[in-house]
């Protein structure tokens, strides 16, 4: 079962969903805000993708953090931040249950489905 994880108003999520539709690939959409985000799922993402890649440092939530938090970030504190603020997770995460892909790049997605 293919699942696309993210938040629906994200432009990258919209591109990814459009690409999947154009390729006629069915995927369930998991909205972090509506469907929730469990620690176990986030830790699975982290184990497969790494917290450094998973943590979105470009967004307004990250920029709003105090310098002490930003300067002392580690795996555990990153996971706590992403659980509290799912918008801090880079988007999208795509998974077939065995493989995980982060972000949207048409080239990478084509390779994922090849």
PDB file of N, CA and C in Angstrom:
ATOM      1  N   UNK A   1       0.847  -1.183   0.000  1.00  0.00           N
ATOM      2  CA  UNK A   1       0.000   0.000   0.000  1.00  0.00           C
ATOM      3  C   UNK A   1       0.893   1.248   0.000  1.00  0.00           C
ATOM      4  N   UNK A   2       0.647   2.128  -0.896  1.00  0.00           N
ATOM      5  CA  UNK A   2       1.421   3.352  -1.054  1.00  0.00           C
ATOM      6  C   UNK A   2       0.766   4.481  -0.269  1.00  0.00           C
ATOM      7  N   UNK A   3       1.571   5.185   0.530  1.00  0.00           N
ATOM      8  CA  UNK A   3       1.045   6.282   1.336  1.00  0.00           C
ATOM      9  C   UNK A   3       1.897   7.523   1.128  1.00  0.00           C
ATOM     10  N   UNK A   4       1.214   8.631   0.959  1.00  0.00           N
ATOM     11  CA  UNK A   4       1.842   9.943   0.846  1.00  0.00           C
ATOM     12  C   UNK A   4       1.518  10.694   2.130  1.00  0.00           C
ATOM     13  N   UNK A   5       2.548  11.153   2.830  1.00  0.00           N
ATOM     14  CA  UNK A   5       2.388  11.825   4.116  1.00  0.00           C
ATOM     15  C   UNK A   5       2.687  13.307   3.977  1.00  0.00           C
ATOM     16  N   UNK A   6       1.875  14.136   4.633  1.00  0.00           N
ATOM     17  CA  UNK A   6       2.135  15.568   4.601  1.00  0.00           C
ATOM     18  C   UNK A   6       0.945  16.360   5.093  1.00  0.00           C
ATOM     19  N   UNK A   7       0.906  17.612   4.644  1.00  0.00           N
ATOM     20  CA  UNK A   7      -0.225  18.488   4.946  1.00  0.00           C
ATOM     21  C   UNK A   7      -0.775  18.992   3.614  1.00  0.00           C
ATOM     22  N   UNK A   8      -2.093  19.037   3.467  1.00  0.00           N
ATOM     23  CA  UNK A   8      -2.700  19.254   2.152  1.00  0.00           C
ATOM     24  C   UNK A   8      -2.450  20.615   1.510  1.00  0.00           C
ATOM     25  N   UNK A   9      -2.210  21.650   2.299  1.00  0.00           N
ATOM     26  CA  UNK A   9      -2.050  22.967   1.688  1.00  0.00           C
ATOM     27  C   UNK A   9      -0.620  23.252   1.228  1.00  0.00           C
ATOM     28  N   UNK A  10       0.270  22.294   1.380  1.00  0.00           N
ATOM     29  CA  UNK A  10       1.663  22.439   0.955  1.00  0.00           C
ATOM     30  C   UNK A  10       1.758  22.346  -0.574  1.00  0.00           C
ATOM     31  N   UNK A  11       2.449  23.295  -1.185  1.00  0.00           N
ATOM     32  CA  UNK A  11       2.593  23.300  -2.647  1.00  0.00           C
ATOM     33  C   UNK A  11       3.308  22.051  -3.157  1.00  0.00           C
ATOM     34  N   UNK A  12       4.305  21.575  -2.433  1.00  0.00           N
ATOM     35  CA  UNK A  12       5.029  20.379  -2.862  1.00  0.00           C
ATOM     36  C   UNK A  12       4.135  19.151  -2.789  1.00  0.00           C
ATOM     37  N   UNK A  13       3.289  19.093  -1.788  1.00  0.00           N
ATOM     38  CA  UNK A  13       2.319  17.995  -1.685  1.00  0.00           C
ATOM     39  C   UNK A  13       1.374  18.046  -2.878  1.00  0.00           C
ATOM     40  N   UNK A  14       0.931  19.227  -3.230  1.00  0.00           N
ATOM     41  CA  UNK A  14       0.028  19.364  -4.379  1.00  0.00           C
ATOM     42  C   UNK A  14       0.696  18.875  -5.659  1.00  0.00           C
ATOM     43  N   UNK A  15       1.972  19.223  -5.858  1.00  0.00           N
ATOM     44  CA  UNK A  15       2.717  18.744  -7.036  1.00  0.00           C
ATOM     45  C   UNK A  15       2.830  17.227  -7.026  1.00  0.00           C
ATOM     46  N   UNK A  16       3.143  16.671  -5.870  1.00  0.00           N
ATOM     47  CA  UNK A  16       3.303  15.226  -5.745  1.00  0.00           C
ATOM     48  C   UNK A  16       1.986  14.499  -6.020  1.00  0.00           C
ATOM     49  N   UNK A  17       0.905  15.015  -5.480  1.00  0.00           N
ATOM     50  CA  UNK A  17      -0.402  14.387  -5.707  1.00  0.00           C
ATOM     51  C   UNK A  17      -0.801  14.470  -7.176  1.00  0.00           C
ATOM     52  N   UNK A  18      -0.510  15.606  -7.799  1.00  0.00           N
ATOM     53  CA  UNK A  18      -0.800  15.763  -9.224  1.00  0.00           C
ATOM     54  C   UNK A  18       0.030  14.775 -10.048  1.00  0.00           C
ATOM     55  N   UNK A  19       1.308  14.616  -9.702  1.00  0.00           N
ATOM     56  CA  UNK A  19       2.185  13.688 -10.419  1.00  0.00           C
ATOM     57  C   UNK A  19       1.665  12.262 -10.284  1.00  0.00           C
ATOM     58  N   UNK A  20       1.289  11.869  -9.076  1.00  0.00           N
ATOM     59  CA  UNK A  20       0.734  10.522  -8.877  1.00  0.00           C
ATOM     60  C   UNK A  20      -0.529  10.316  -9.716  1.00  0.00           C
ATOM     61  N   UNK A  21      -1.398  11.308  -9.734  1.00  0.00           N
ATOM     62  CA  UNK A  21      -2.631  11.210 -10.528  1.00  0.00           C
ATOM     63  C   UNK A  21      -2.309  11.104 -12.019  1.00  0.00           C
ATOM     64  N   UNK A  22      -1.360  11.906 -12.486  1.00  0.00           N
ATOM     65  CA  UNK A  22      -0.970  11.867 -13.900  1.00  0.00           C
ATOM     66  C   UNK A  22      -0.393  10.505 -14.292  1.00  0.00           C
ATOM     67  N   UNK A  23       0.290   9.863 -13.354  1.00  0.00           N
ATOM     68  CA  UNK A  23       0.878   8.547 -13.619  1.00  0.00           C
ATOM     69  C   UNK A  23      -0.114   7.413 -13.330  1.00  0.00           C
ATOM     70  N   UNK A  24      -1.305   7.785 -12.894  1.00  0.00           N
ATOM     71  CA  UNK A  24      -2.356   6.828 -12.527  1.00  0.00           C
ATOM     72  C   UNK A  24      -1.876   5.862 -11.444  1.00  0.00           C
ATOM     73  N   UNK A  25      -1.223   6.431 -10.445  1.00  0.00           N
ATOM     74  CA  UNK A  25      -0.738   5.669  -9.301  1.00  0.00           C
ATOM     75  C   UNK A  25      -1.608   6.024  -8.100  1.00  0.00           C
ATOM     76  N   UNK A  26      -2.208   5.001  -7.510  1.00  0.00           N
ATOM     77  CA  UNK A  26      -3.059   5.210  -6.339  1.00  0.00           C
ATOM     78  C   UNK A  26      -2.209   5.276  -5.082  1.00  0.00           C
ATOM     79  N   UNK A  27      -2.490   6.258  -4.270  1.00  0.00           N
ATOM     80  CA  UNK A  27      -1.811   6.402  -2.986  1.00  0.00           C
ATOM     81  C   UNK A  27      -2.794   6.967  -1.975  1.00  0.00           C
ATOM     82  N   UNK A  28      -2.721   6.473  -0.781  1.00  0.00           N
ATOM     83  CA  UNK A  28      -3.500   7.019   0.317  1.00  0.00           C
ATOM     84  C   UNK A  28      -2.791   8.269   0.803  1.00  0.00           C
ATOM     85  N   UNK A  29      -3.544   9.319   1.093  1.00  0.00           N
ATOM     86  CA  UNK A  29      -2.938  10.532   1.635  1.00  0.00           C
ATOM     87  C   UNK A  29      -3.147  10.566   3.138  1.00  0.00           C
ATOM     88  N   UNK A  30      -2.059  10.710   3.873  1.00  0.00           N
ATOM     89  CA  UNK A  30      -2.105  10.803   5.331  1.00  0.00           C
ATOM     90  C   UNK A  30      -1.789  12.243   5.717  1.00  0.00           C
ATOM     91  N   UNK A  31      -2.801  12.941   6.180  1.00  0.00           N
ATOM     92  CA  UNK A  31      -2.681  14.333   6.607  1.00  0.00           C
ATOM     93  C   UNK A  31      -2.275  14.335   8.080  1.00  0.00           C
ATOM     94  N   UNK A  32      -1.064  14.820   8.361  1.00  0.00           N
ATOM     95  CA  UNK A  32      -0.576  14.831   9.739  1.00  0.00           C
ATOM     96  C   UNK A  32      -1.540  15.527  10.689  1.00  0.00           C
ATOM     97  N   UNK A  33      -2.134  16.597  10.234  1.00  0.00           N
ATOM     98  CA  UNK A  33      -3.010  17.370  11.118  1.00  0.00           C
ATOM     99  C   UNK A  33      -4.345  16.674  11.348  1.00  0.00           C
ATOM    100  N   UNK A  34      -4.914  16.119  10.307  1.00  0.00           N
ATOM    101  CA  UNK A  34      -6.220  15.477  10.409  1.00  0.00           C
ATOM    102  C   UNK A  34      -6.110  14.042  10.932  1.00  0.00           C
ATOM    103  N   UNK A  35      -5.145  13.295  10.403  1.00  0.00           N
ATOM    104  CA  UNK A  35      -5.010  11.877  10.736  1.00  0.00           C
ATOM    105  C   UNK A  35      -4.070  11.616  11.912  1.00  0.00           C
ATOM    106  N   UNK A  36      -3.341  12.647  12.311  1.00  0.00           N
ATOM    107  CA  UNK A  36      -2.428  12.509  13.436  1.00  0.00           C
ATOM    108  C   UNK A  36      -1.050  12.028  13.013  1.00  0.00           C
ATOM    109  N   UNK A  37      -0.155  12.092  13.971  1.00  0.00           N
ATOM    110  CA  UNK A  37       1.219  11.646  13.757  1.00  0.00           C
ATOM    111  C   UNK A  37       1.668  10.932  15.023  1.00  0.00           C
ATOM    112  N   UNK A  38       1.855   9.648  14.921  1.00  0.00           N
ATOM    113  CA  UNK A  38       2.268   8.864  16.073  1.00  0.00           C
ATOM    114  C   UNK A  38       3.791   8.776  16.112  1.00  0.00           C
ATOM    115  N   UNK A  39       4.316   8.717  17.321  1.00  0.00           N
ATOM    116  CA  UNK A  39       5.761   8.639  17.529  1.00  0.00           C
ATOM    117  C   UNK A  39       6.366   7.473  16.737  1.00  0.00           C
ATOM    118  N   UNK A  40       5.708   6.330  16.763  1.00  0.00           N
ATOM    119  CA  UNK A  40       6.231   5.147  16.067  1.00  0.00           C
ATOM    120  C   UNK A  40       6.422   5.419  14.573  1.00  0.00           C
ATOM    121  N   UNK A  41       5.466   6.080  13.949  1.00  0.00           N
ATOM    122  CA  UNK A  41       5.577   6.405  12.528  1.00  0.00           C
ATOM    123  C   UNK A  41       6.739   7.368  12.293  1.00  0.00           C
ATOM    124  N   UNK A  42       6.824   8.413  13.095  1.00  0.00           N
ATOM    125  CA  UNK A  42       7.903   9.381  12.938  1.00  0.00           C
ATOM    126  C   UNK A  42       9.267   8.721  13.163  1.00  0.00           C
ATOM    127  N   UNK A  43       9.366   7.833  14.124  1.00  0.00           N
ATOM    128  CA  UNK A  43      10.633   7.143  14.365  1.00  0.00           C
ATOM    129  C   UNK A  43      10.983   6.200  13.215  1.00  0.00           C
ATOM    130  N   UNK A  44       9.982   5.644  12.563  1.00  0.00           N
ATOM    131  CA  UNK A  44      10.229   4.837  11.362  1.00  0.00           C
ATOM    132  C   UNK A  44      10.784   5.719  10.246  1.00  0.00           C
ATOM    133  N   UNK A  45      10.180   6.897  10.057  1.00  0.00           N
ATOM    134  CA  UNK A  45      10.712   7.849   9.072  1.00  0.00           C
ATOM    135  C   UNK A  45      12.161   8.178   9.401  1.00  0.00           C
ATOM    136  N   UNK A  46      12.426   8.485  10.661  1.00  0.00           N
ATOM    137  CA  UNK A  46      13.764   8.882  11.083  1.00  0.00           C
ATOM    138  C   UNK A  46      14.769   7.761  10.846  1.00  0.00           C
ATOM    139  N   UNK A  47      14.386   6.531  11.150  1.00  0.00           N
ATOM    140  CA  UNK A  47      15.288   5.395  10.960  1.00  0.00           C
ATOM    141  C   UNK A  47      15.633   5.180   9.490  1.00  0.00           C
ATOM    142  N   UNK A  48      14.701   5.506   8.610  1.00  0.00           N
ATOM    143  CA  UNK A  48      14.906   5.285   7.174  1.00  0.00           C
ATOM    144  C   UNK A  48      15.479   6.494   6.445  1.00  0.00           C
ATOM    145  N   UNK A  49      15.214   7.687   6.959  1.00  0.00           N
ATOM    146  CA  UNK A  49      15.608   8.901   6.240  1.00  0.00           C
ATOM    147  C   UNK A  49      16.625   9.756   6.999  1.00  0.00           C
ATOM    148  N   UNK A  50      16.668   9.617   8.313  1.00  0.00           N
ATOM    149  CA  UNK A  50      17.558  10.428   9.134  1.00  0.00           C
ATOM    150  C   UNK A  50      16.880  11.709   9.587  1.00  0.00           C
ATOM    151  N   UNK A  51      17.051  12.060  10.855  1.00  0.00           N
ATOM    152  CA  UNK A  51      16.372  13.238  11.385  1.00  0.00           C
ATOM    153  C   UNK A  51      16.875  14.524  10.746  1.00  0.00           C
ATOM    154  N   UNK A  52      18.151  14.549  10.361  1.00  0.00           N
ATOM    155  CA  UNK A  52      18.714  15.761   9.763  1.00  0.00           C
ATOM    156  C   UNK A  52      18.022  16.108   8.446  1.00  0.00           C
ATOM    157  N   UNK A  53      17.690  15.088   7.667  1.00  0.00           N
ATOM    158  CA  UNK A  53      16.993  15.318   6.396  1.00  0.00           C
ATOM    159  C   UNK A  53      15.509  15.582   6.619  1.00  0.00           C
ATOM    160  N   UNK A  54      14.958  14.940   7.604  1.00  0.00           N
ATOM    161  CA  UNK A  54      13.521  15.013   7.867  1.00  0.00           C
ATOM    162  C   UNK A  54      13.088  16.363   8.440  1.00  0.00           C
ATOM    163  N   UNK A  55      13.953  16.983   9.226  1.00  0.00           N
ATOM    164  CA  UNK A  55      13.625  18.243   9.891  1.00  0.00           C
ATOM    165  C   UNK A  55      13.719  19.410   8.909  1.00  0.00           C
ATOM    166  N   UNK A  56      12.604  20.088   8.728  1.00  0.00           N
ATOM    167  CA  UNK A  56      12.540  21.221   7.806  1.00  0.00           C
ATOM    168  C   UNK A  56      13.014  22.488   8.511  1.00  0.00           C
ATOM    169  N   UNK A  57      14.206  22.940   8.131  1.00  0.00           N
ATOM    170  CA  UNK A  57      14.775  24.147   8.737  1.00  0.00           C
ATOM    171  C   UNK A  57      14.496  25.394   7.901  1.00  0.00           C
ATOM    172  N   UNK A  58      13.697  25.262   6.872  1.00  0.00           N
ATOM    173  CA  UNK A  58      13.378  26.398   6.012  1.00  0.00           C
ATOM    174  C   UNK A  58      12.055  27.071   6.363  1.00  0.00           C
ATOM    175  N   UNK A  59      11.245  26.396   7.125  1.00  0.00           N
ATOM    176  CA  UNK A  59       9.893  26.884   7.386  1.00  0.00           C
ATOM    177  C   UNK A  59       9.813  27.925   8.490  1.00  0.00           C
ATOM    178  N   UNK A  60       8.648  28.526   8.575  1.00  0.00           N
ATOM    179  CA  UNK A  60       8.427  29.579   9.563  1.00  0.00           C
ATOM    180  C   UNK A  60       8.461  29.046  10.991  1.00  0.00           C
ATOM    181  N   UNK A  61       8.065  27.793  11.191  1.00  0.00           N
ATOM    182  CA  UNK A  61       8.085  27.233  12.541  1.00  0.00           C
ATOM    183  C   UNK A  61       9.524  27.153  13.050  1.00  0.00           C
ATOM    184  N   UNK A  62      10.437  26.660  12.218  1.00  0.00           N
ATOM    185  CA  UNK A  62      11.845  26.595  12.604  1.00  0.00           C
ATOM    186  C   UNK A  62      12.401  27.992  12.861  1.00  0.00           C
ATOM    187  N   UNK A  63      12.112  28.905  11.970  1.00  0.00           N
ATOM    188  CA  UNK A  63      12.642  30.264  12.118  1.00  0.00           C
ATOM    189  C   UNK A  63      12.133  30.935  13.385  1.00  0.00           C
ATOM    190  N   UNK A  64      10.974  30.514  13.859  1.00  0.00           N
ATOM    191  CA  UNK A  64      10.396  31.096  15.066  1.00  0.00           C
ATOM    192  C   UNK A  64      10.959  30.548  16.365  1.00  0.00           C
ATOM    193  N   UNK A  65      11.777  29.495  16.277  1.00  0.00           N
ATOM    194  CA  UNK A  65      12.356  28.915  17.487  1.00  0.00           C
ATOM    195  C   UNK A  65      13.470  29.799  18.028  1.00  0.00           C
ATOM    196  N   UNK A  66      13.687  29.707  19.336  1.00  0.00           N
ATOM    197  CA  UNK A  66      14.786  30.477  19.928  1.00  0.00           C
ATOM    198  C   UNK A  66      16.130  29.855  19.525  1.00  0.00           C
ATOM    199  N   UNK A  67      17.174  30.663  19.587  1.00  0.00           N
ATOM    200  CA  UNK A  67      18.500  30.227  19.153  1.00  0.00           C
ATOM    201  C   UNK A  67      19.022  29.051  19.971  1.00  0.00           C
ATOM    202  N   UNK A  68      18.725  29.025  21.251  1.00  0.00           N
ATOM    203  CA  UNK A  68      19.202  27.922  22.085  1.00  0.00           C
ATOM    204  C   UNK A  68      18.653  26.589  21.594  1.00  0.00           C
ATOM    205  N   UNK A  69      17.363  26.561  21.262  1.00  0.00           N
ATOM    206  CA  UNK A  69      16.753  25.335  20.740  1.00  0.00           C
ATOM    207  C   UNK A  69      17.394  24.942  19.421  1.00  0.00           C
ATOM    208  N   UNK A  70      17.547  25.900  18.516  1.00  0.00           N
ATOM    209  CA  UNK A  70      18.139  25.613  17.209  1.00  0.00           C
ATOM    210  C   UNK A  70      19.581  25.132  17.325  1.00  0.00           C
ATOM    211  N   UNK A  71      20.350  25.742  18.210  1.00  0.00           N
ATOM    212  CA  UNK A  71      21.770  25.414  18.330  1.00  0.00           C
ATOM    213  C   UNK A  71      22.032  24.105  19.064  1.00  0.00           C
ATOM    214  N   UNK A  72      21.048  23.603  19.786  1.00  0.00           N
ATOM    215  CA  UNK A  72      21.229  22.372  20.565  1.00  0.00           C
ATOM    216  C   UNK A  72      20.367  21.223  20.061  1.00  0.00           C
ATOM    217  N   UNK A  73      19.965  21.291  18.799  1.00  0.00           N
ATOM    218  CA  UNK A  73      19.098  20.266  18.237  1.00  0.00           C
ATOM    219  C   UNK A  73      19.858  18.939  18.094  1.00  0.00           C
ATOM    220  N   UNK A  74      19.201  17.864  18.460  1.00  0.00           N
ATOM    221  CA  UNK A  74      19.727  16.521  18.258  1.00  0.00           C
ATOM    222  C   UNK A  74      18.552  15.627  17.866  1.00  0.00           C
ATOM    223  N   UNK A  75      18.815  14.349  17.709  1.00  0.00           N
ATOM    224  CA  UNK A  75      17.770  13.440  17.252  1.00  0.00           C
ATOM    225  C   UNK A  75      16.528  13.516  18.148  1.00  0.00           C
ATOM    226  N   UNK A  76      16.722  13.390  19.436  1.00  0.00           N
ATOM    227  CA  UNK A  76      15.577  13.339  20.350  1.00  0.00           C
ATOM    228  C   UNK A  76      14.790  14.648  20.360  1.00  0.00           C
ATOM    229  N   UNK A  77      15.507  15.775  20.415  1.00  0.00           N
ATOM    230  CA  UNK A  77      14.790  17.055  20.426  1.00  0.00           C
ATOM    231  C   UNK A  77      14.127  17.318  19.077  1.00  0.00           C
ATOM    232  N   UNK A  78      14.734  16.858  17.987  1.00  0.00           N
ATOM    233  CA  UNK A  78      14.126  17.019  16.660  1.00  0.00           C
ATOM    234  C   UNK A  78      12.828  16.224  16.575  1.00  0.00           C
ATOM    235  N   UNK A  79      12.838  15.009  17.091  1.00  0.00           N
ATOM    236  CA  UNK A  79      11.624  14.189  17.075  1.00  0.00           C
ATOM    237  C   UNK A  79      10.528  14.847  17.905  1.00  0.00           C
ATOM    238  N   UNK A  80      10.875  15.368  19.064  1.00  0.00           N
ATOM    239  CA  UNK A  80       9.874  16.047  19.895  1.00  0.00           C
ATOM    240  C   UNK A  80       9.293  17.263  19.171  1.00  0.00           C
ATOM    241  N   UNK A  81      10.157  18.029  18.512  1.00  0.00           N
ATOM    242  CA  UNK A  81       9.684  19.201  17.758  1.00  0.00           C
ATOM    243  C   UNK A  81       8.752  18.793  16.625  1.00  0.00           C
ATOM    244  N   UNK A  82       9.125  17.740  15.879  1.00  0.00           N
ATOM    245  CA  UNK A  82       8.298  17.301  14.752  1.00  0.00           C
ATOM    246  C   UNK A  82       6.970  16.718  15.223  1.00  0.00           C
ATOM    247  N   UNK A  83       6.967  16.056  16.385  1.00  0.00           N
ATOM    248  CA  UNK A  83       5.703  15.556  16.936  1.00  0.00           C
ATOM    249  C   UNK A  83       4.798  16.718  17.333  1.00  0.00           C
ATOM    250  N   UNK A  84       5.384  17.734  17.934  1.00  0.00           N
ATOM    251  CA  UNK A  84       4.606  18.895  18.369  1.00  0.00           C
ATOM    252  C   UNK A  84       4.184  19.778  17.205  1.00  0.00           C
ATOM    253  N   UNK A  85       5.010  19.812  16.153  1.00  0.00           N
ATOM    254  CA  UNK A  85       4.774  20.688  14.999  1.00  0.00           C
ATOM    255  C   UNK A  85       5.007  19.889  13.714  1.00  0.00           C
ATOM    256  N   UNK A  86       4.040  19.083  13.274  1.00  0.00           N
ATOM    257  CA  UNK A  86       4.234  18.256  12.071  1.00  0.00           C
ATOM    258  C   UNK A  86       4.618  19.046  10.821  1.00  0.00           C
ATOM    259  N   UNK A  87       4.326  20.345  10.793  1.00  0.00           N
ATOM    260  CA  UNK A  87       4.736  21.150   9.636  1.00  0.00           C
ATOM    261  C   UNK A  87       6.258  21.252   9.546  1.00  0.00           C
ATOM    262  N   UNK A  88       6.966  20.857  10.592  1.00  0.00           N
ATOM    263  CA  UNK A  88       8.425  20.888  10.579  1.00  0.00           C
ATOM    264  C   UNK A  88       9.027  19.668   9.890  1.00  0.00           C
ATOM    265  N   UNK A  89       8.176  18.758   9.442  1.00  0.00           N
ATOM    266  CA  UNK A  89       8.652  17.586   8.703  1.00  0.00           C
ATOM    267  C   UNK A  89       8.705  17.960   7.227  1.00  0.00           C
ATOM    268  N   UNK A  90       9.864  17.741   6.597  1.00  0.00           N
ATOM    269  CA  UNK A  90       9.961  18.004   5.163  1.00  0.00           C
ATOM    270  C   UNK A  90       8.913  17.168   4.453  1.00  0.00           C
ATOM    271  N   UNK A  91       8.415  17.715   3.353  1.00  0.00           N
ATOM    272  CA  UNK A  91       7.323  17.066   2.644  1.00  0.00           C
ATOM    273  C   UNK A  91       7.648  16.935   1.162  1.00  0.00           C
ATOM    274  N   UNK A  92       6.994  15.926   0.598  1.00  0.00           N
ATOM    275  CA  UNK A  92       6.266  14.832   1.223  1.00  0.00           C
ATOM    276  C   UNK A  92       7.191  13.690   1.630  1.00  0.00           C
ATOM    277  N   UNK A  93       6.634  12.784   2.415  1.00  0.00           N
ATOM    278  CA  UNK A  93       7.239  11.479   2.637  1.00  0.00           C
ATOM    279  C   UNK A  93       6.346  10.501   1.881  1.00  0.00           C
ATOM    280  N   UNK A  94       6.967   9.686   1.054  1.00  0.00           N
ATOM    281  CA  UNK A  94       6.244   8.674   0.282  1.00  0.00           C
ATOM    282  C   UNK A  94       6.776   7.316   0.718  1.00  0.00           C
ATOM    283  N   UNK A  95       5.873   6.379   0.967  1.00  0.00           N
ATOM    284  CA  UNK A  95       6.310   5.053   1.386  1.00  0.00           C
ATOM    285  C   UNK A  95       5.401   3.963   0.844  1.00  0.00           C
ATOM    286  N   UNK A  96       6.039   2.850   0.494  1.00  0.00           N
ATOM    287  CA  UNK A  96       5.286   1.651   0.131  1.00  0.00           C
ATOM    288  C   UNK A  96       5.319   0.644   1.276  1.00  0.00           C
ATOM    289  N   UNK A  97       5.766   1.087   2.450  1.00  0.00           N
ATOM    290  CA  UNK A  97       5.849   0.224   3.617  1.00  0.00           C
ATOM    291  C   UNK A  97       7.224  -0.386   3.814  1.00  0.00           C
ATOM    292  N   UNK A  98       8.039  -0.356   2.755  1.00  0.00           N
ATOM    293  CA  UNK A  98       9.396  -0.896   2.839  1.00  0.00           C
ATOM    294  C   UNK A  98      10.440   0.160   2.481  1.00  0.00           C
ATOM    295  N   UNK A  99      10.068   1.013   1.545  1.00  0.00           N
ATOM    296  CA  UNK A  99      10.985   2.065   1.081  1.00  0.00           C
ATOM    297  C   UNK A  99      10.371   3.417   1.410  1.00  0.00           C
ATOM    298  N   UNK A 100      11.266   4.395   1.602  1.00  0.00           N
ATOM    299  CA  UNK A 100      10.830   5.746   1.962  1.00  0.00           C
ATOM    300  C   UNK A 100      11.535   6.747   1.069  1.00  0.00           C
ATOM    301  N   UNK A 101      10.770   7.726   0.614  1.00  0.00           N
ATOM    302  CA  UNK A 101      11.294   8.772  -0.255  1.00  0.00           C
ATOM    303  C   UNK A 101      10.873  10.106   0.331  1.00  0.00           C
ATOM    304  N   UNK A 102      11.822  11.037   0.402  1.00  0.00           N
ATOM    305  CA  UNK A 102      11.560  12.338   1.004  1.00  0.00           C
ATOM    306  C   UNK A 102      11.651  13.426  -0.041  1.00  0.00           C
ATOM    307  N   UNK A 103      10.662  14.312  -0.045  1.00  0.00           N
ATOM    308  CA  UNK A 103      10.650  15.418  -1.001  1.00  0.00           C
ATOM    309  C   UNK A 103      10.081  14.982  -2.333  1.00  0.00           C
ATOM    310  N   UNK A 104       9.927  15.948  -3.221  1.00  0.00           N
ATOM    311  CA  UNK A 104       9.405  15.620  -4.548  1.00  0.00           C
ATOM    312  C   UNK A 104      10.391  16.049  -5.622  1.00  0.00           C
ATOM    313  N   UNK A 105      10.879  15.067  -6.331  1.00  0.00           N
ATOM    314  CA  UNK A 105      11.696  15.263  -7.512  1.00  0.00           C
ATOM    315  C   UNK A 105      11.182  14.245  -8.531  1.00  0.00           C
ATOM    316  N   UNK A 106      10.762  14.729  -9.681  1.00  0.00           N
ATOM    317  CA  UNK A 106      10.193  13.818 -10.672  1.00  0.00           C
ATOM    318  C   UNK A 106      11.169  12.684 -10.999  1.00  0.00           C
ATOM    319  N   UNK A 107      12.436  13.012 -11.125  1.00  0.00           N
ATOM    320  CA  UNK A 107      13.455  12.006 -11.436  1.00  0.00           C
ATOM    321  C   UNK A 107      13.524  10.931 -10.339  1.00  0.00           C
ATOM    322  N   UNK A 108      13.550  11.363  -9.073  1.00  0.00           N
ATOM    323  CA  UNK A 108      13.611  10.405  -7.974  1.00  0.00           C
ATOM    324  C   UNK A 108      12.344   9.567  -7.890  1.00  0.00           C
ATOM    325  N   UNK A 109      11.214  10.205  -8.135  1.00  0.00           N
ATOM    326  CA  UNK A 109       9.960   9.470  -8.079  1.00  0.00           C
ATOM    327  C   UNK A 109       9.861   8.450  -9.217  1.00  0.00           C
ATOM    328  N   UNK A 110      10.319   8.807 -10.400  1.00  0.00           N
ATOM    329  CA  UNK A 110      10.319   7.855 -11.502  1.00  0.00           C
ATOM    330  C   UNK A 110      11.182   6.647 -11.151  1.00  0.00           C
ATOM    331  N   UNK A 111      12.343   6.908 -10.543  1.00  0.00           N
ATOM    332  CA  UNK A 111      13.233   5.804 -10.135  1.00  0.00           C
ATOM    333  C   UNK A 111      12.574   4.944  -9.056  1.00  0.00           C
ATOM    334  N   UNK A 112      11.861   5.539  -8.138  1.00  0.00           N
ATOM    335  CA  UNK A 112      11.169   4.827  -7.077  1.00  0.00           C
ATOM    336  C   UNK A 112      10.177   3.821  -7.663  1.00  0.00           C
ATOM    337  N   UNK A 113       9.499   4.213  -8.737  1.00  0.00           N
ATOM    338  CA  UNK A 113       8.470   3.359  -9.340  1.00  0.00           C
ATOM    339  C   UNK A 113       8.982   2.494 -10.474  1.00  0.00           C
ATOM    340  N   UNK A 114      10.240   2.645 -10.844  1.00  0.00           N
ATOM    341  CA  UNK A 114      10.812   1.868 -11.974  1.00  0.00           C
ATOM    342  C   UNK A 114      10.933   0.387 -11.626  1.00  0.00           C
TER     343      UNK A 114
END
